[in-house]
Amino acid sequence: MRHMLGVLLAVVMGAAVFFGAGWGISRIMALSAAGQNIGTAQGVPALGAVLGTGLLLGILLAAPGISPLGSGGGVISCALFFTTSFTSSDCSSPRYGRA
């Protein structure tokens, strides 16, 4: 039963990283490109999504008594996000002159 809960928490963490943090980061990058501050009314929900995802990951990492599988979904979904998003892999590549 403990590992069933862990798999469920891994799915929740995966969805939080893939959708919540993915949306937040893309929104923050769009605000930055537009020259706006993250403290504006448009930036606060994006910052909240990223911070909420980090808080959920921290809770799942700090409480392995629930299940050690719970935080694994975040790693998998983060890898999926960076491999499926062309702009993320494009920006992190050093061959485009962005050092």
Protein backbone atom coordinates (compact mmCIF):
# COMPACT_ATOMS: atom_id res chain seq x y z
CA MET A 1 0.00 0.00 0.00
CA ARG A 2 2.89 2.33 0.75
CA HIS A 3 4.32 1.99 -2.74
CA MET A 4 0.90 2.48 -4.32
CA LEU A 5 0.75 5.83 -2.52
CA GLY A 6 4.29 6.53 -3.71
CA VAL A 7 3.37 5.90 -7.33
CA LEU A 8 0.34 8.19 -6.94
CA LEU A 9 2.54 10.90 -5.42
CA ALA A 10 5.07 10.43 -8.23
CA VAL A 11 2.31 11.03 -10.79
CA VAL A 12 1.19 14.14 -8.91
CA MET A 13 4.77 15.40 -8.70
CA GLY A 14 5.31 14.69 -12.37
CA ALA A 15 2.22 16.66 -13.32
CA ALA A 16 3.27 19.52 -11.04
CA VAL A 17 6.72 19.75 -12.60
CA PHE A 18 5.60 19.25 -16.18
CA PHE A 19 2.59 21.56 -16.14
CA GLY A 20 3.03 23.88 -13.15
CA ALA A 21 6.73 24.61 -13.30
CA GLY A 22 6.77 24.39 -17.09
CA TRP A 23 4.07 27.03 -17.36
CA GLY A 24 5.70 29.17 -14.69
CA ILE A 25 9.13 29.12 -16.28
CA SER A 26 7.78 29.84 -19.75
CA ARG A 27 5.72 32.74 -18.37
CA ILE A 28 8.73 34.15 -16.48
CA MET A 29 10.85 33.93 -19.64
CA ALA A 30 8.13 35.70 -21.63
CA LEU A 31 7.96 38.47 -19.03
CA SER A 32 11.72 38.79 -19.09
CA ALA A 33 11.72 39.05 -22.88
CA ALA A 34 9.07 41.76 -22.69
CA GLY A 35 11.17 43.72 -20.21
CA GLN A 36 8.71 43.37 -17.33
CA ASN A 37 9.52 42.65 -13.72
CA ILE A 38 8.57 39.37 -12.05
CA GLY A 39 6.94 41.31 -9.22
CA THR A 40 4.15 42.58 -11.46
CA ALA A 41 0.63 41.19 -11.43
CA GLN A 42 1.46 38.96 -14.40
CA GLY A 43 4.61 37.54 -12.80
CA VAL A 44 3.32 36.66 -9.35
CA PRO A 45 1.19 33.63 -10.44
CA ALA A 46 4.12 32.27 -12.45
CA LEU A 47 6.44 32.69 -9.49
CA GLY A 48 3.85 31.02 -7.25
CA ALA A 49 3.62 28.02 -9.59
CA VAL A 50 7.38 27.53 -9.57
CA LEU A 51 7.64 28.01 -5.78
CA GLY A 52 4.68 25.67 -5.17
CA THR A 53 6.31 22.97 -7.27
CA GLY A 54 9.55 23.40 -5.36
CA LEU A 55 7.71 23.21 -2.05
CA LEU A 56 5.95 20.00 -3.09
CA LEU A 57 9.26 18.47 -4.18
CA GLY A 58 10.88 19.51 -0.89
CA ILE A 59 8.10 17.92 1.13
CA LEU A 60 8.32 14.69 -0.84
CA LEU A 61 12.10 14.57 -0.48
CA ALA A 62 12.05 15.36 3.24
CA ALA A 63 9.38 12.80 4.10
CA PRO A 64 10.58 9.49 2.66
CA GLY A 65 8.49 7.71 5.28
CA ILE A 66 5.49 8.19 3.02
CA SER A 67 7.24 6.50 0.12
CA PRO A 68 10.65 6.85 -1.44
CA LEU A 69 9.04 6.70 -4.88
CA GLY A 70 7.15 9.97 -4.42
CA SER A 71 9.86 12.34 -5.57
CA GLY A 72 10.93 10.25 -8.56
CA GLY A 73 8.16 11.54 -10.81
CA GLY A 74 9.59 15.03 -10.73
CA VAL A 75 12.92 13.89 -12.11
CA ILE A 76 11.28 11.94 -14.91
CA SER A 77 8.92 14.74 -15.88
CA CYS A 78 11.70 17.33 -15.73
CA ALA A 79 13.72 15.21 -18.13
CA LEU A 80 10.67 14.89 -20.39
CA PHE A 81 10.07 18.64 -20.28
CA PHE A 82 13.61 19.51 -21.29
CA THR A 83 13.76 16.90 -24.04
CA THR A 84 10.39 17.78 -25.59
CA SER A 85 10.72 21.56 -25.34
CA PHE A 86 12.87 22.77 -28.21
CA THR A 87 13.33 26.26 -26.79
CA SER A 88 14.67 24.95 -23.47
CA SER A 89 17.21 22.71 -25.14
CA ASP A 90 18.04 25.46 -27.62
CA CYS A 91 18.78 28.02 -24.90
CA SER A 92 20.91 25.68 -22.81
CA SER A 93 23.13 24.67 -25.71
CA PRO A 94 26.48 26.52 -25.67
CA ARG A 95 26.92 26.32 -29.46
CA TYR A 96 24.56 29.21 -30.10
CA GLY A 97 26.89 31.78 -28.57
CA ARG A 98 25.05 32.25 -25.26
CA ALA A 99 27.65 31.95 -22.59
